[in-house]
Amino acid sequence: MTDEFDDFARGLQTQILEETRKAYGQVAFERWRKPLYVGTIGKPDGYARVSAACGDTMEIFLRFAGERVKEATFQTNGCGASIVCGSFAAELSIGKNPDEIALITGETILRIAGNLPEEDRHCAFLAAETLQETLENFLKKRGRNRLEKERERRYVK
């Protein structure tokens, strides 16, 4: 009986993995299996927590060295797509300055992740919104917000 059950469980696991690979595509599937940049940063330079209508919550933590992100991590209580997108949002921010981070959108994350199912695409926008809120938090701590930064960029050139 145990052998039959073990065979059934292995078969079911293989089926689930293959269906997920097919639905997500290879890039997102690999990131789902082995997400990068998961965790927290003590006393981050930038931090935000955003909850989506679907119930998923994402947190992003950034540590800067000068004007560039030195370390980035994320946490989520969400689905596999939230894990994939949070991981890519953190990765995309590393080495970037605030102006470059401001350009990271949900579409940017979707392009990197590849083939997320339509019903999971909102996770990329949750990750991007969380990253932008984290950037805003960093800029506020530095005494500037994005609007002031944009105004400064227009008139200082």
N, C-alpha and C. Protein backbone atom coordinates (compact mmCIF):
# COMPACT_ATOMS: atom_id res chain seq x y z
N MET A 1 0.82 -1.20 0.00
CA MET A 1 0.00 0.00 0.00
C MET A 1 0.86 1.26 0.00
N THR A 2 1.92 1.26 0.79
CA THR A 2 2.79 2.43 0.87
C THR A 2 3.46 2.70 -0.47
N ASP A 3 3.92 1.67 -1.15
CA ASP A 3 4.55 1.85 -2.46
C ASP A 3 3.58 2.46 -3.46
N GLU A 4 2.35 2.00 -3.45
CA GLU A 4 1.34 2.54 -4.36
C GLU A 4 1.09 4.02 -4.06
N PHE A 5 0.98 4.33 -2.78
CA PHE A 5 0.75 5.72 -2.39
C PHE A 5 1.95 6.60 -2.78
N ASP A 6 3.16 6.11 -2.51
CA ASP A 6 4.36 6.87 -2.87
C ASP A 6 4.43 7.09 -4.37
N ASP A 7 4.11 6.09 -5.15
CA ASP A 7 4.11 6.23 -6.62
C ASP A 7 3.07 7.25 -7.06
N PHE A 8 1.88 7.19 -6.43
CA PHE A 8 0.83 8.16 -6.75
C PHE A 8 1.28 9.58 -6.42
N ALA A 9 1.88 9.75 -5.25
CA ALA A 9 2.34 11.08 -4.82
C ALA A 9 3.42 11.62 -5.75
N ARG A 10 4.37 10.78 -6.13
CA ARG A 10 5.43 11.21 -7.07
C ARG A 10 4.84 11.59 -8.43
N GLY A 11 3.91 10.79 -8.89
CA GLY A 11 3.26 11.08 -10.17
C GLY A 11 2.50 12.40 -10.13
N LEU A 12 1.79 12.62 -9.04
CA LEU A 12 1.04 13.87 -8.86
C LEU A 12 1.98 15.06 -8.80
N GLN A 13 3.07 14.92 -8.07
CA GLN A 13 4.06 16.00 -7.98
C GLN A 13 4.64 16.31 -9.36
N THR A 14 4.98 15.29 -10.11
CA THR A 14 5.53 15.49 -11.46
C THR A 14 4.52 16.21 -12.34
N GLN A 15 3.27 15.81 -12.25
CA GLN A 15 2.21 16.44 -13.04
C GLN A 15 2.06 17.92 -12.68
N ILE A 16 2.06 18.22 -11.41
CA ILE A 16 1.94 19.62 -10.95
C ILE A 16 3.12 20.45 -11.45
N LEU A 17 4.32 19.91 -11.33
CA LEU A 17 5.50 20.65 -11.79
C LEU A 17 5.45 20.89 -13.29
N GLU A 18 5.06 19.91 -14.06
CA GLU A 18 4.99 20.07 -15.52
C GLU A 18 3.91 21.07 -15.90
N GLU A 19 2.77 21.03 -15.25
CA GLU A 19 1.71 22.00 -15.53
C GLU A 19 2.15 23.42 -15.17
N THR A 20 2.87 23.54 -14.07
CA THR A 20 3.36 24.86 -13.66
C THR A 20 4.41 25.36 -14.64
N ARG A 21 5.31 24.51 -15.07
CA ARG A 21 6.34 24.90 -16.05
C ARG A 21 5.67 25.38 -17.34
N LYS A 22 4.66 24.65 -17.76
CA LYS A 22 3.95 25.00 -19.00
C LYS A 22 3.23 26.35 -18.85
N ALA A 23 2.58 26.55 -17.70
CA ALA A 23 1.82 27.79 -17.47
C ALA A 23 2.73 29.00 -17.28
N TYR A 24 3.85 28.83 -16.57
CA TYR A 24 4.72 29.95 -16.22
C TYR A 24 5.83 30.20 -17.23
N GLY A 25 6.21 29.19 -17.98
CA GLY A 25 7.39 29.31 -18.82
C GLY A 25 8.62 28.95 -18.00
N GLN A 26 9.71 28.65 -18.68
CA GLN A 26 10.90 28.14 -18.01
C GLN A 26 11.52 29.15 -17.04
N VAL A 27 11.62 30.43 -17.44
CA VAL A 27 12.28 31.43 -16.60
C VAL A 27 11.54 31.62 -15.28
N ALA A 28 10.24 31.85 -15.34
CA ALA A 28 9.46 32.05 -14.12
C ALA A 28 9.37 30.76 -13.31
N PHE A 29 9.30 29.61 -13.98
CA PHE A 29 9.25 28.33 -13.29
C PHE A 29 10.50 28.13 -12.45
N GLU A 30 11.66 28.39 -13.03
CA GLU A 30 12.93 28.23 -12.30
C GLU A 30 12.99 29.18 -11.11
N ARG A 31 12.51 30.41 -11.29
CA ARG A 31 12.53 31.39 -10.19
C ARG A 31 11.54 30.99 -9.11
N TRP A 32 10.43 30.38 -9.50
CA TRP A 32 9.45 29.90 -8.53
C TRP A 32 10.05 28.77 -7.69
N ARG A 33 10.79 27.90 -8.35
CA ARG A 33 11.41 26.77 -7.65
C ARG A 33 12.53 27.23 -6.73
N LYS A 34 13.29 28.23 -7.18
CA LYS A 34 14.43 28.72 -6.39
C LYS A 34 14.43 30.24 -6.39
N PRO A 35 13.55 30.84 -5.60
CA PRO A 35 13.49 32.31 -5.59
C PRO A 35 14.77 32.90 -4.99
N LEU A 36 15.16 34.02 -5.52
CA LEU A 36 16.34 34.75 -5.04
C LEU A 36 15.89 35.98 -4.27
N TYR A 37 16.75 36.45 -3.37
CA TYR A 37 16.55 37.71 -2.64
C TYR A 37 15.36 37.67 -1.68
N VAL A 38 15.05 36.50 -1.15
CA VAL A 38 13.98 36.37 -0.17
C VAL A 38 14.54 36.71 1.21
N GLY A 39 13.80 37.50 1.96
CA GLY A 39 14.22 37.79 3.33
C GLY A 39 13.98 39.24 3.69
N THR A 40 14.59 39.64 4.78
CA THR A 40 14.45 41.02 5.26
C THR A 40 15.85 41.62 5.39
N ILE A 41 15.87 42.92 5.55
CA ILE A 41 17.10 43.65 5.82
C ILE A 41 16.84 44.46 7.08
N GLY A 42 17.67 44.28 8.08
CA GLY A 42 17.54 45.09 9.30
C GLY A 42 17.89 46.54 9.01
N LYS A 43 17.07 47.44 9.49
CA LYS A 43 17.26 48.88 9.29
C LYS A 43 17.53 49.22 7.82
N PRO A 44 16.57 48.92 6.94
CA PRO A 44 16.76 49.21 5.52
C PRO A 44 16.72 50.71 5.26
N ASP A 45 17.34 51.12 4.16
CA ASP A 45 17.27 52.53 3.74
C ASP A 45 15.90 52.84 3.13
N GLY A 46 15.28 51.83 2.55
CA GLY A 46 13.94 51.97 1.98
C GLY A 46 13.14 50.72 2.27
N TYR A 47 11.87 50.91 2.62
CA TYR A 47 11.01 49.78 2.94
C TYR A 47 9.57 50.15 2.60
N ALA A 48 8.83 49.16 2.09
CA ALA A 48 7.40 49.33 1.89
C ALA A 48 6.71 47.98 2.00
N ARG A 49 5.45 48.07 2.36
CA ARG A 49 4.57 46.89 2.44
C ARG A 49 3.29 47.28 1.74
N VAL A 50 2.91 46.51 0.72
CA VAL A 50 1.71 46.80 -0.06
C VAL A 50 0.86 45.54 -0.13
N SER A 51 -0.45 45.73 0.05
CA SER A 51 -1.39 44.62 -0.08
C SER A 51 -2.24 44.82 -1.33
N ALA A 52 -2.47 43.73 -2.04
CA ALA A 52 -3.27 43.77 -3.26
C ALA A 52 -4.70 43.34 -2.96
N ALA A 53 -5.58 43.63 -3.90
CA ALA A 53 -6.99 43.26 -3.74
C ALA A 53 -7.16 41.74 -3.64
N CYS A 54 -6.23 40.98 -4.21
CA CYS A 54 -6.32 39.51 -4.18
C CYS A 54 -5.98 38.94 -2.80
N GLY A 55 -5.44 39.78 -1.92
CA GLY A 55 -5.07 39.33 -0.58
C GLY A 55 -3.59 39.14 -0.38
N ASP A 56 -2.81 39.14 -1.48
CA ASP A 56 -1.36 39.02 -1.36
C ASP A 56 -0.78 40.30 -0.77
N THR A 57 0.23 40.14 0.06
CA THR A 57 0.97 41.27 0.61
C THR A 57 2.43 41.07 0.25
N MET A 58 3.08 42.16 -0.15
CA MET A 58 4.50 42.09 -0.50
C MET A 58 5.23 43.18 0.28
N GLU A 59 6.44 42.84 0.70
CA GLU A 59 7.35 43.78 1.34
C GLU A 59 8.65 43.78 0.55
N ILE A 60 9.22 44.97 0.36
CA ILE A 60 10.53 45.09 -0.28
C ILE A 60 11.41 45.94 0.62
N PHE A 61 12.66 45.51 0.76
CA PHE A 61 13.66 46.16 1.58
C PHE A 61 14.85 46.52 0.68
N LEU A 62 15.32 47.77 0.78
CA LEU A 62 16.48 48.20 0.00
C LEU A 62 17.54 48.80 0.92
N ARG A 63 18.79 48.48 0.62
CA ARG A 63 19.93 49.12 1.28
C ARG A 63 20.78 49.74 0.18
N PHE A 64 21.08 51.00 0.35
CA PHE A 64 21.87 51.75 -0.63
C PHE A 64 23.31 51.89 -0.18
N ALA A 65 24.19 51.99 -1.14
CA ALA A 65 25.58 52.39 -0.93
C ALA A 65 25.73 53.62 -1.81
N GLY A 66 25.74 54.77 -1.19
CA GLY A 66 25.71 56.01 -1.98
C GLY A 66 24.34 56.14 -2.63
N GLU A 67 24.33 56.30 -3.94
CA GLU A 67 23.07 56.47 -4.67
C GLU A 67 22.63 55.20 -5.38
N ARG A 68 23.26 54.07 -5.10
CA ARG A 68 22.90 52.81 -5.79
C ARG A 68 22.50 51.74 -4.78
N VAL A 69 21.57 50.90 -5.20
CA VAL A 69 21.12 49.81 -4.34
C VAL A 69 22.23 48.77 -4.22
N LYS A 70 22.60 48.52 -2.99
CA LYS A 70 23.63 47.53 -2.70
C LYS A 70 22.99 46.17 -2.40
N GLU A 71 21.83 46.20 -1.74
CA GLU A 71 21.17 44.97 -1.33
C GLU A 71 19.66 45.16 -1.43
N ALA A 72 18.97 44.14 -1.90
CA ALA A 72 17.51 44.18 -2.01
C ALA A 72 16.95 42.82 -1.66
N THR A 73 15.87 42.83 -0.89
CA THR A 73 15.18 41.59 -0.54
C THR A 73 13.68 41.84 -0.57
N PHE A 74 12.93 40.74 -0.55
CA PHE A 74 11.47 40.84 -0.53
C PHE A 74 10.90 39.72 0.31
N GLN A 75 9.67 39.90 0.71
CA GLN A 75 8.88 38.86 1.36
C GLN A 75 7.46 38.98 0.85
N THR A 76 6.77 37.86 0.75
CA THR A 76 5.36 37.88 0.37
C THR A 76 4.65 36.72 1.03
N ASN A 77 3.38 36.91 1.27
CA ASN A 77 2.53 35.82 1.74
C ASN A 77 1.71 35.28 0.59
N GLY A 78 2.08 35.67 -0.62
CA GLY A 78 1.27 35.38 -1.79
C GLY A 78 1.61 34.08 -2.50
N CYS A 79 1.01 33.96 -3.65
CA CYS A 79 1.12 32.77 -4.48
C CYS A 79 2.49 32.69 -5.16
N GLY A 80 2.66 31.64 -5.94
CA GLY A 80 3.92 31.44 -6.66
C GLY A 80 4.27 32.61 -7.56
N ALA A 81 3.28 33.19 -8.22
CA ALA A 81 3.55 34.34 -9.10
C ALA A 81 4.04 35.54 -8.29
N SER A 82 3.52 35.73 -7.09
CA SER A 82 4.00 36.83 -6.24
C SER A 82 5.45 36.61 -5.85
N ILE A 83 5.80 35.37 -5.59
CA ILE A 83 7.19 35.04 -5.25
C ILE A 83 8.10 35.35 -6.44
N VAL A 84 7.70 34.89 -7.61
CA VAL A 84 8.49 35.13 -8.83
C VAL A 84 8.67 36.63 -9.06
N CYS A 85 7.58 37.38 -8.99
CA CYS A 85 7.64 38.81 -9.31
C CYS A 85 8.38 39.60 -8.23
N GLY A 86 8.21 39.25 -6.97
CA GLY A 86 8.97 39.91 -5.91
C GLY A 86 10.46 39.67 -6.06
N SER A 87 10.81 38.45 -6.41
CA SER A 87 12.21 38.11 -6.62
C SER A 87 12.81 38.92 -7.76
N PHE A 88 12.08 39.03 -8.87
CA PHE A 88 12.59 39.81 -10.01
C PHE A 88 12.62 41.31 -9.69
N ALA A 89 11.66 41.81 -8.93
CA ALA A 89 11.67 43.23 -8.56
C ALA A 89 12.92 43.55 -7.74
N ALA A 90 13.23 42.68 -6.77
CA ALA A 90 14.44 42.89 -5.95
C ALA A 90 15.68 42.83 -6.83
N GLU A 91 15.75 41.82 -7.68
CA GLU A 91 16.92 41.67 -8.55
C GLU A 91 17.11 42.87 -9.48
N LEU A 92 16.02 43.35 -10.05
CA LEU A 92 16.10 44.48 -10.98
C LEU A 92 16.59 45.77 -10.32
N SER A 93 16.39 45.88 -9.01
CA SER A 93 16.78 47.12 -8.32
C SER A 93 18.26 47.15 -7.95
N ILE A 94 18.90 45.99 -7.85
CA ILE A 94 20.29 45.94 -7.40
C ILE A 94 21.20 46.64 -8.40
N GLY A 95 22.02 47.55 -7.86
CA GLY A 95 22.95 48.31 -8.69
C GLY A 95 22.35 49.55 -9.33
N LYS A 96 21.06 49.76 -9.13
CA LYS A 96 20.37 50.89 -9.76
C LYS A 96 20.32 52.10 -8.83
N ASN A 97 20.24 53.28 -9.44
CA ASN A 97 20.03 54.51 -8.68
C ASN A 97 18.53 54.82 -8.67
N PRO A 98 18.08 55.79 -7.88
CA PRO A 98 16.65 56.07 -7.79
C PRO A 98 15.98 56.36 -9.14
N ASP A 99 16.64 57.08 -10.02
CA ASP A 99 16.04 57.37 -11.33
C ASP A 99 15.82 56.09 -12.13
N GLU A 100 16.75 55.16 -12.04
CA GLU A 100 16.62 53.89 -12.77
C GLU A 100 15.54 53.01 -12.14
N ILE A 101 15.45 53.01 -10.84
CA ILE A 101 14.42 52.22 -10.16
C ILE A 101 13.03 52.76 -10.51
N ALA A 102 12.92 54.07 -10.63
CA ALA A 102 11.63 54.69 -10.96
C ALA A 102 11.08 54.19 -12.30
N LEU A 103 11.94 53.67 -13.15
CA LEU A 103 11.52 53.18 -14.47
C LEU A 103 11.05 51.72 -14.46
N ILE A 104 11.20 51.03 -13.33
CA ILE A 104 10.79 49.63 -13.25
C ILE A 104 9.29 49.56 -13.02
N THR A 105 8.60 48.92 -13.94
CA THR A 105 7.14 48.82 -13.91
C THR A 105 6.70 47.36 -13.87
N GLY A 106 5.43 47.17 -13.74
CA GLY A 106 4.88 45.82 -13.83
C GLY A 106 5.19 45.20 -15.18
N GLU A 107 5.12 46.00 -16.22
CA GLU A 107 5.45 45.50 -17.57
C GLU A 107 6.91 45.07 -17.65
N THR A 108 7.79 45.82 -16.99
CA THR A 108 9.21 45.45 -16.96
C THR A 108 9.37 44.07 -16.35
N ILE A 109 8.71 43.85 -15.23
CA ILE A 109 8.81 42.57 -14.53
C ILE A 109 8.21 41.45 -15.38
N LEU A 110 7.08 41.72 -16.03
CA LEU A 110 6.47 40.71 -16.90
C LEU A 110 7.40 40.32 -18.05
N ARG A 111 8.10 41.30 -18.62
CA ARG A 111 9.03 40.98 -19.71
C ARG A 111 10.14 40.05 -19.23
N ILE A 112 10.64 40.29 -18.03
CA ILE A 112 11.71 39.46 -17.48
C ILE A 112 11.17 38.07 -17.11
N ALA A 113 10.02 38.04 -16.45
CA ALA A 113 9.45 36.78 -15.99
C ALA A 113 9.02 35.89 -17.14
N GLY A 114 8.57 36.51 -18.21
CA GLY A 114 8.15 35.72 -19.35
C GLY A 114 6.67 35.46 -19.35
N ASN A 115 6.32 34.21 -19.29
CA ASN A 115 4.97 33.77 -19.60
C ASN A 115 4.11 33.52 -18.36
N LEU A 116 3.75 34.56 -17.62
CA LEU A 116 2.84 34.34 -16.49
C LEU A 116 1.41 34.22 -17.01
N PRO A 117 0.63 33.33 -16.42
CA PRO A 117 -0.77 33.22 -16.81
C PRO A 117 -1.50 34.55 -16.58
N GLU A 118 -2.49 34.82 -17.38
CA GLU A 118 -3.25 36.08 -17.31
C GLU A 118 -3.73 36.36 -15.89
N GLU A 119 -4.22 35.33 -15.20
CA GLU A 119 -4.77 35.54 -13.86
C GLU A 119 -3.69 35.85 -12.81
N ASP A 120 -2.42 35.69 -13.16
CA ASP A 120 -1.33 35.98 -12.23
C ASP A 120 -0.53 37.23 -12.59
N ARG A 121 -0.86 37.86 -13.69
CA ARG A 121 -0.08 39.02 -14.15
C ARG A 121 -0.14 40.19 -13.16
N HIS A 122 -1.22 40.28 -12.40
CA HIS A 122 -1.34 41.37 -11.42
C HIS A 122 -0.22 41.33 -10.39
N CYS A 123 0.39 40.18 -10.19
CA CYS A 123 1.48 40.05 -9.21
C CYS A 123 2.69 40.89 -9.62
N ALA A 124 2.93 41.02 -10.92
CA ALA A 124 4.03 41.86 -11.39
C ALA A 124 3.76 43.32 -11.03
N PHE A 125 2.52 43.73 -11.11
CA PHE A 125 2.17 45.11 -10.78
C PHE A 125 2.21 45.35 -9.27
N LEU A 126 1.88 44.33 -8.49
CA LEU A 126 2.04 44.42 -7.03
C LEU A 126 3.51 44.59 -6.69
N ALA A 127 4.37 43.80 -7.31
CA ALA A 127 5.81 43.89 -7.03
C ALA A 127 6.35 45.26 -7.43
N ALA A 128 5.95 45.75 -8.60
CA ALA A 128 6.42 47.06 -9.06
C ALA A 128 5.91 48.18 -8.15
N GLU A 129 4.65 48.10 -7.75
CA GLU A 129 4.10 49.12 -6.85
C GLU A 129 4.83 49.11 -5.51
N THR A 130 5.13 47.93 -5.01
CA THR A 130 5.86 47.82 -3.75
C THR A 130 7.25 48.39 -3.89
N LEU A 131 7.91 48.10 -5.00
CA LEU A 131 9.25 48.65 -5.25
C LEU A 131 9.20 50.18 -5.32
N GLN A 132 8.20 50.73 -5.99
CA GLN A 132 8.08 52.19 -6.10
C GLN A 132 7.79 52.83 -4.74
N GLU A 133 6.97 52.17 -3.93
CA GLU A 133 6.70 52.67 -2.57
C GLU A 133 7.97 52.61 -1.72
N THR A 134 8.77 51.58 -1.93
CA THR A 134 10.04 51.45 -1.21
C THR A 134 10.98 52.57 -1.62
N LEU A 135 11.04 52.87 -2.89
CA LEU A 135 11.85 53.98 -3.39
C LEU A 135 11.36 55.30 -2.79
N GLU A 136 10.06 55.48 -2.77
CA GLU A 136 9.47 56.70 -2.18
C GLU A 136 9.86 56.83 -0.71
N ASN A 137 9.84 55.72 0.01
CA ASN A 137 10.24 55.71 1.42
C ASN A 137 11.70 56.13 1.56
N PHE A 138 12.56 55.59 0.71
CA PHE A 138 13.98 55.96 0.72
C PHE A 138 14.15 57.46 0.46
N LEU A 139 13.47 57.96 -0.56
CA LEU A 139 13.61 59.38 -0.91
C LEU A 139 13.08 60.28 0.20
N LYS A 140 11.99 59.89 0.85
CA LYS A 140 11.46 60.68 1.96
C LYS A 140 12.44 60.72 3.12
N LYS A 141 13.08 59.59 3.38
CA LYS A 141 14.09 59.56 4.45
C LYS A 141 15.24 60.50 4.12
N ARG A 142 15.50 60.68 2.87
CA ARG A 142 16.56 61.59 2.43
C ARG A 142 16.05 63.01 2.27
N GLY A 143 14.77 63.22 2.60
CA GLY A 143 14.22 64.57 2.55
C GLY A 143 13.73 65.00 1.18
N ARG A 144 13.55 64.05 0.30
CA ARG A 144 13.07 64.38 -1.04
C ARG A 144 12.02 63.35 -1.44
N ASN A 145 11.04 63.81 -2.19
CA ASN A 145 10.12 62.83 -2.76
C ASN A 145 10.28 62.85 -4.28
N ARG A 146 9.63 61.94 -4.92
CA ARG A 146 9.80 61.78 -6.36
C ARG A 146 9.39 63.03 -7.12
N LEU A 147 8.32 63.69 -6.68
CA LEU A 147 7.86 64.90 -7.36
C LEU A 147 8.93 65.98 -7.29
N GLU A 148 9.54 66.16 -6.13
CA GLU A 148 10.62 67.14 -6.00
C GLU A 148 11.80 66.75 -6.89
N LYS A 149 12.09 65.48 -6.95
CA LYS A 149 13.20 64.99 -7.77
C LYS A 149 12.93 65.27 -9.25
N GLU A 150 11.70 65.04 -9.68
CA GLU A 150 11.33 65.29 -11.08
C GLU A 150 11.42 66.79 -11.39
N ARG A 151 10.93 67.62 -10.48
CA ARG A 151 11.00 69.06 -10.67
C ARG A 151 12.46 69.51 -10.77
N GLU A 152 13.28 68.96 -9.90
CA GLU A 152 14.70 69.29 -9.89
C GLU A 152 15.36 68.90 -11.21
N ARG A 153 15.00 67.74 -11.72
CA ARG A 153 15.59 67.26 -12.97
C ARG A 153 15.22 68.17 -14.14
N ARG A 154 13.98 68.66 -14.15
CA ARG A 154 13.53 69.52 -15.25
C ARG A 154 14.23 70.87 -15.27
N TYR A 155 14.46 71.45 -14.09
CA TYR A 155 14.94 72.82 -14.02
C TYR A 155 16.43 72.97 -13.79
N VAL A 156 17.11 71.92 -13.43
CA VAL A 156 18.53 72.04 -13.11
C VAL A 156 19.40 71.83 -14.35
N LYS A 157 18.86 71.22 -15.38
CA LYS A 157 19.65 70.93 -16.58
C LYS A 157 20.07 72.14 -17.25
